[in-house]
Protein backbone atom coordinates (compact mmCIF):
# COMPACT_ATOMS: atom_id res chain seq x y z
CA MET A 1 -52.01 -2.61 10.96
CA PRO A 2 -49.63 -0.09 12.28
CA THR A 3 -45.94 -1.49 12.88
CA LEU A 4 -43.52 0.51 15.11
CA PRO A 5 -40.40 -1.07 13.37
CA TRP A 6 -37.59 -2.18 15.43
CA VAL A 7 -35.25 0.04 16.49
CA THR A 8 -31.78 -0.15 17.96
CA PRO A 9 -31.98 1.99 21.26
CA HIS A 10 -27.68 0.63 22.27
CA PRO A 11 -25.80 -1.56 20.15
CA ALA A 12 -25.60 -5.17 20.76
CA PRO A 13 -22.06 -6.39 21.87
CA HIS A 14 -20.64 -8.41 18.80
CA HIS A 15 -21.21 -11.85 19.91
CA GLY A 16 -23.24 -13.53 22.87
CA GLN A 17 -26.64 -13.83 23.68
CA VAL A 18 -29.41 -11.52 24.64
CA VAL A 19 -32.77 -11.59 26.36
CA VAL A 20 -36.11 -11.39 23.99
CA MET A 21 -39.09 -10.67 25.47
CA ALA A 22 -42.12 -10.98 23.19
CA SER A 23 -46.29 -10.38 24.72
CA ARG A 24 -49.53 -10.11 23.37
CA PHE A 25 -51.95 -8.04 24.63
CA GLU A 26 -55.90 -7.92 24.22
CA VAL A 27 -57.78 -5.32 25.25
CA ARG A 28 -61.61 -5.74 27.33
CA SER A 29 -63.33 -4.06 24.64
CA LEU A 30 -62.93 -1.39 21.40
CA LYS A 31 -63.07 1.92 23.90
CA ASP A 32 -59.85 0.49 25.27
CA VAL A 33 -57.87 0.35 22.57
CA PRO A 34 -57.11 4.20 22.28
CA ARG A 35 -55.67 4.38 26.03
CA PHE A 36 -54.17 1.08 25.17
CA PHE A 37 -52.59 2.60 22.52
CA LEU A 38 -51.36 5.90 23.96
CA LYS A 39 -50.03 4.17 26.60
CA SER A 40 -48.18 1.86 24.39
CA LEU A 41 -46.54 4.48 22.48
CA SER A 42 -45.43 5.85 26.29
CA ALA A 43 -43.36 2.42 26.61
CA TRP A 44 -42.32 3.22 23.63
CA ARG A 45 -40.72 5.75 24.38
CA GLN A 46 -38.81 4.65 27.36
CA VAL A 47 -37.14 1.11 26.47
CA ARG A 48 -35.68 3.40 23.44
CA SER A 49 -33.80 4.57 26.08
CA ALA A 50 -33.75 1.73 28.61
CA PRO A 51 -30.34 0.93 29.39
CA GLY A 52 -29.67 -2.78 28.15
CA ALA A 53 -32.38 -2.55 25.88
CA PHE A 54 -30.45 -4.02 22.11
CA GLY A 55 -33.95 -3.43 20.59
CA ALA A 56 -37.54 -2.68 20.42
CA SER A 57 -41.10 -3.18 18.06
CA LEU A 58 -44.77 -3.00 18.51
CA ILE A 59 -47.63 -4.33 16.26
CA ALA A 60 -51.06 -3.12 17.15
CA GLN A 61 -54.28 -4.62 15.32
CA PRO A 62 -56.79 -1.90 16.88
CA THR A 63 -59.78 -3.12 14.98
CA LYS A 64 -58.80 -6.99 16.63
CA ARG A 65 -57.99 -5.17 20.26
CA THR A 66 -54.49 -6.76 20.02
CA PHE A 67 -51.01 -6.08 20.34
CA PHE A 68 -47.65 -7.26 19.53
CA THR A 69 -44.11 -6.59 21.66
CA LEU A 70 -40.84 -7.52 20.80
CA SER A 71 -37.81 -6.84 22.53
CA ALA A 72 -34.20 -7.50 23.20
CA TRP A 73 -32.14 -7.21 26.28
CA GLU A 74 -28.88 -7.54 27.78
CA SER A 75 -30.29 -9.73 30.59
CA ARG A 76 -33.58 -10.28 32.01
CA ASP A 77 -32.10 -8.11 35.25
CA ALA A 78 -32.22 -5.18 32.12
CA LEU A 79 -36.08 -5.69 30.92
CA TYR A 80 -36.94 -5.96 34.77
CA ALA A 81 -35.81 -3.11 35.53
CA TYR A 82 -37.31 -1.37 32.56
CA ALA A 83 -40.62 -3.27 33.71
CA ARG A 84 -40.15 -1.41 37.48
CA THR A 85 -39.46 1.87 35.93
CA GLU A 86 -41.81 4.54 35.53
CA PRO A 87 -43.83 5.49 33.42
CA HIS A 88 -43.83 1.47 32.77
CA ARG A 89 -44.39 0.17 36.24
CA GLY A 90 -47.92 2.27 36.71
CA ILE A 91 -48.70 1.54 32.50
CA MET A 92 -49.02 -1.50 34.10
CA THR A 93 -50.96 -0.77 36.51
CA GLY A 94 -53.31 1.64 35.27
CA LEU A 95 -53.84 -0.80 32.37
CA ARG A 96 -54.43 -3.98 34.22
CA PRO A 97 -58.41 -3.95 34.85
CA THR A 98 -58.58 -2.75 30.65
CA MET A 99 -56.77 -6.41 30.01
CA ARG A 100 -58.67 -9.62 28.48
CA SER A 101 -55.96 -11.28 28.28
CA SER A 102 -52.10 -11.39 28.62
CA THR A 103 -49.32 -13.91 27.04
CA PHE A 104 -45.83 -13.68 27.88
CA THR A 105 -42.60 -15.38 25.74
CA PHE A 106 -38.93 -15.27 27.28
CA TRP A 107 -35.72 -16.72 25.24
CA GLU A 108 -31.97 -16.18 24.79
CA ALA A 109 -30.78 -16.04 21.15
CA PRO A 110 -27.93 -15.36 20.23
CA VAL A 111 -26.78 -11.44 19.14
CA GLU A 112 -26.17 -12.71 15.43
CA HIS A 113 -30.25 -13.06 15.26
CA LEU A 114 -31.02 -9.51 15.64
CA PRO A 115 -33.42 -8.23 15.04
CA VAL A 116 -36.06 -10.84 16.07
CA SER A 117 -38.56 -11.59 13.18
CA TRP A 118 -42.12 -11.63 13.84
CA ALA A 119 -42.66 -15.03 12.45
CA GLU A 120 -40.41 -15.90 14.75
CA ALA A 121 -41.91 -13.95 18.32
CA LYS A 122 -45.89 -14.91 16.96
CA ARG A 123 -44.88 -18.53 16.82
CA ARG A 124 -43.09 -18.89 20.73
CA ILE A 125 -46.60 -16.42 21.48
CA ALA A 126 -48.65 -19.02 20.30
CA GLU A 127 -47.13 -22.12 21.19
CA GLN A 128 -46.73 -20.35 24.58
CA GLU A 129 -50.86 -19.85 24.71
CA GLN A 130 -51.15 -23.51 24.19
CA PRO A 131 -52.29 -25.69 26.92
CA ASP A 132 -50.16 -28.42 28.09
CA ALA A 133 -50.96 -31.50 26.19
CA THR A 134 -49.83 -33.86 28.95
């Protein structure tokens, strides 16, 4: 399982909160995996210089057609600015037809919790994927 380890593009302040985003993507077919992975690397390069990015990691499970992302940001505005900027914007649009499912979860965490653990991120993704119990 290839994992791109947590990188810190910009140092976080010593105190305060960060916005964390975790995601899970599943592509429709194994033939979609190489393209998705290559595009993920392009987005990975972008996040490493994105203003307001305090950390990021990626897990690729090619044989399961599944990819996970985890990132920490100074604000939702910084995260959304990254998502609206090329190449990320074009990647999202271009890969949409290959996607089987996507899950996103967001939360705030103290700066002291960086880097965020994959166990915590996957737990929150799983909760997000659960149908409402109401």
